[in-house]
C-alpha atoms as a PDB file:
ATOM      1  CA  MET A   1       0.078  -0.034   0.024  1.00  0.00           C
ATOM      2  CA  ILE A   2       1.331   3.451  -0.920  1.00  0.00           C
ATOM      3  CA  ARG A   3       1.192   5.876   1.867  1.00  0.00           C
ATOM      4  CA  LYS A   4       0.554   9.583   1.126  1.00  0.00           C
ATOM      5  CA  SER A   5       2.841  12.120   2.607  1.00  0.00           C
ATOM      6  CA  THR A   6       1.531  14.086   5.481  1.00  0.00           C
ATOM      7  CA  ALA A   7       1.767  17.893   5.520  1.00  0.00           C
ATOM      8  CA  LEU A   8       4.285  17.503   8.279  1.00  0.00           C
ATOM      9  CA  GLU A   9       6.525  15.178   6.273  1.00  0.00           C
ATOM     10  CA  GLU A  10       6.361  17.543   3.336  1.00  0.00           C
ATOM     11  CA  HIS A  11       7.208  20.473   5.521  1.00  0.00           C
ATOM     12  CA  GLU A  12      10.256  18.602   6.909  1.00  0.00           C
ATOM     13  CA  ASP A  13      11.408  17.610   3.356  1.00  0.00           C
ATOM     14  CA  LEU A  14      11.162  21.277   2.371  1.00  0.00           C
ATOM     15  CA  GLU A  15      13.222  22.362   5.408  1.00  0.00           C
ATOM     16  CA  LYS A  16      15.902  19.917   4.511  1.00  0.00           C
ATOM     17  CA  GLN A  17      15.962  21.166   0.986  1.00  0.00           C
ATOM     18  CA  VAL A  18      16.211  24.754   2.091  1.00  0.00           C
ATOM     19  CA  ALA A  19      19.157  23.874   4.490  1.00  0.00           C
ATOM     20  CA  HIS A  20      20.881  21.960   1.719  1.00  0.00           C
ATOM     21  CA  LEU A  21      20.585  24.928  -0.712  1.00  0.00           C
ATOM     22  CA  LYS A  22      21.712  27.380   1.954  1.00  0.00           C
ATOM     23  CA  SER A  23      24.794  25.294   2.651  1.00  0.00           C
ATOM     24  CA  GLY A  24      25.537  25.031  -1.035  1.00  0.00           C
ATOM     25  CA  LEU A  25      25.326  28.785  -1.436  1.00  0.00           C
ATOM     26  CA  GLU A  26      27.538  29.460   1.496  1.00  0.00           C
ATOM     27  CA  ASN A  27      30.140  26.937   0.226  1.00  0.00           C
ATOM     28  CA  ARG A  28      29.931  28.537  -3.249  1.00  0.00           C
ATOM     29  CA  GLY A  29      30.683  31.971  -1.775  1.00  0.00           C
ATOM     30  CA  ARG A  30      33.588  30.735   0.278  1.00  0.00           C
ATOM     31  CA  ILE A  31      35.042  29.004  -2.785  1.00  0.00           C
ATOM     32  CA  GLY A  32      34.636  32.281  -4.682  1.00  0.00           C
ATOM     33  CA  ILE A  33      36.536  34.071  -1.860  1.00  0.00           C
ATOM     34  CA  ALA A  34      39.301  31.497  -2.009  1.00  0.00           C
ATOM     35  CA  ILE A  35      39.561  31.801  -5.768  1.00  0.00           C
ATOM     36  CA  GLY A  36      40.089  35.580  -5.302  1.00  0.00           C
ATOM     37  CA  ILE A  37      42.740  34.960  -2.641  1.00  0.00           C
ATOM     38  CA  VAL A  38      44.562  32.532  -4.927  1.00  0.00           C
ATOM     39  CA  MET A  39      44.306  35.016  -7.850  1.00  0.00           C
ATOM     40  CA  GLU A  40      45.890  37.799  -5.766  1.00  0.00           C
ATOM     41  CA  ARG A  41      48.565  35.688  -4.098  1.00  0.00           C
ATOM     42  CA  TYR A  42      49.788  33.786  -7.169  1.00  0.00           C
ATOM     43  CA  GLY A  43      48.934  36.170 -10.024  1.00  0.00           C
ATOM     44  CA  LEU A  44      46.476  33.804 -11.661  1.00  0.00           C
ATOM     45  CA  ASP A  45      43.268  34.450 -13.529  1.00  0.00           C
ATOM     46  CA  SER A  46      40.087  33.164 -12.163  1.00  0.00           C
ATOM     47  CA  ASP A  47      40.029  30.047 -14.367  1.00  0.00           C
ATOM     48  CA  LEU A  48      43.500  28.981 -13.386  1.00  0.00           C
ATOM     49  CA  ALA A  49      42.863  29.680  -9.714  1.00  0.00           C
ATOM     50  CA  PHE A  50      39.706  27.572  -9.851  1.00  0.00           C
ATOM     51  CA  LYS A  51      41.568  24.718 -11.683  1.00  0.00           C
ATOM     52  CA  LEU A  52      44.352  24.843  -9.164  1.00  0.00           C
ATOM     53  CA  LEU A  53      41.793  24.463  -6.210  1.00  0.00           C
ATOM     54  CA  VAL A  54      40.027  21.614  -8.062  1.00  0.00           C
ATOM     55  CA  ARG A  55      43.336  19.844  -8.633  1.00  0.00           C
ATOM     56  CA  ILE A  56      44.360  20.147  -5.023  1.00  0.00           C
ATOM     57  CA  SER A  57      40.932  18.996  -3.944  1.00  0.00           C
ATOM     58  CA  GLN A  58      41.157  15.949  -6.153  1.00  0.00           C
ATOM     59  CA  HIS A  59      44.735  15.137  -5.240  1.00  0.00           C
ATOM     60  CA  GLU A  60      44.038  15.281  -1.539  1.00  0.00           C
ATOM     61  CA  ASN A  61      40.578  13.586  -1.969  1.00  0.00           C
ATOM     62  CA  ARG A  62      39.029  16.296   0.040  1.00  0.00           C
ATOM     63  CA  LYS A  63      36.019  18.542  -0.698  1.00  0.00           C
ATOM     64  CA  MET A  64      36.556  21.766  -2.475  1.00  0.00           C
ATOM     65  CA  TYR A  65      34.957  23.784   0.284  1.00  0.00           C
ATOM     66  CA  VAL A  66      37.436  22.349   2.862  1.00  0.00           C
ATOM     67  CA  ILE A  67      40.371  23.477   0.671  1.00  0.00           C
ATOM     68  CA  ALA A  68      38.769  26.818   0.262  1.00  0.00           C
ATOM     69  CA  GLU A  69      38.351  27.336   3.951  1.00  0.00           C
ATOM     70  CA  GLU A  70      42.066  26.436   4.489  1.00  0.00           C
ATOM     71  CA  VAL A  71      43.021  29.051   1.777  1.00  0.00           C
ATOM     72  CA  ILE A  72      40.941  31.658   3.509  1.00  0.00           C
ATOM     73  CA  GLY A  73      42.582  30.629   6.794  1.00  0.00           C
ATOM     74  CA  GLY A  74      46.033  31.228   5.284  1.00  0.00           C
ATOM     75  CA  ARG A  75      47.096  28.026   3.720  1.00  0.00           C
ATOM     76  CA  ASP A  76      50.086  28.564   1.374  1.00  0.00           C
ATOM     77  CA  LEU A  77      49.582  26.627  -1.789  1.00  0.00           C
ATOM     78  CA  SER A  78      53.072  27.226  -3.074  1.00  0.00           C
ATOM     79  CA  VAL A  79      54.689  25.136  -0.449  1.00  0.00           C
ATOM     80  CA  GLY A  80      54.825  21.344  -0.784  1.00  0.00           C
ATOM     81  CA  ASN A  81      52.995  21.053  -4.087  1.00  0.00           C
ATOM     82  CA  ASP A  82      53.627  17.738  -5.696  1.00  0.00           C
ATOM     83  CA  ALA A  83      54.810  17.512  -9.279  1.00  0.00           C
ATOM     84  CA  GLU A  84      51.188  16.219 -10.087  1.00  0.00           C
ATOM     85  CA  LEU A  85      49.829  19.615  -9.210  1.00  0.00           C
ATOM     86  CA  ASP A  86      52.233  21.587 -11.291  1.00  0.00           C
ATOM     87  CA  ALA A  87      50.859  22.355 -14.744  1.00  0.00           C
END
C-alpha cells in the first residue's frame, strides 16, 4: 500500500531542501573568496585559480569547500605542491 505524505513530512522535506541549498550557497561563496585569494597571491586568472583548487581537492581527496576554507585561513599553496599539481 502506498502511503501519502502528510503535511508535516512535506514540511520537513522542504526544510531539509532549504538547509541543503543554503549550505551550497555558502560553500559557493567561500570558494569564490578562496579563488580571489589565490588570484591575488599567485597572480593567476580566475580560471587557473579555480583549476588549481580543483586539482588540489582531487589530489588530496578532500572537498573543495574544505580546501577553500584552508586558503581563506592562510594555507600557502606554493609550499609542498607535488609535481602532479604543477601544470
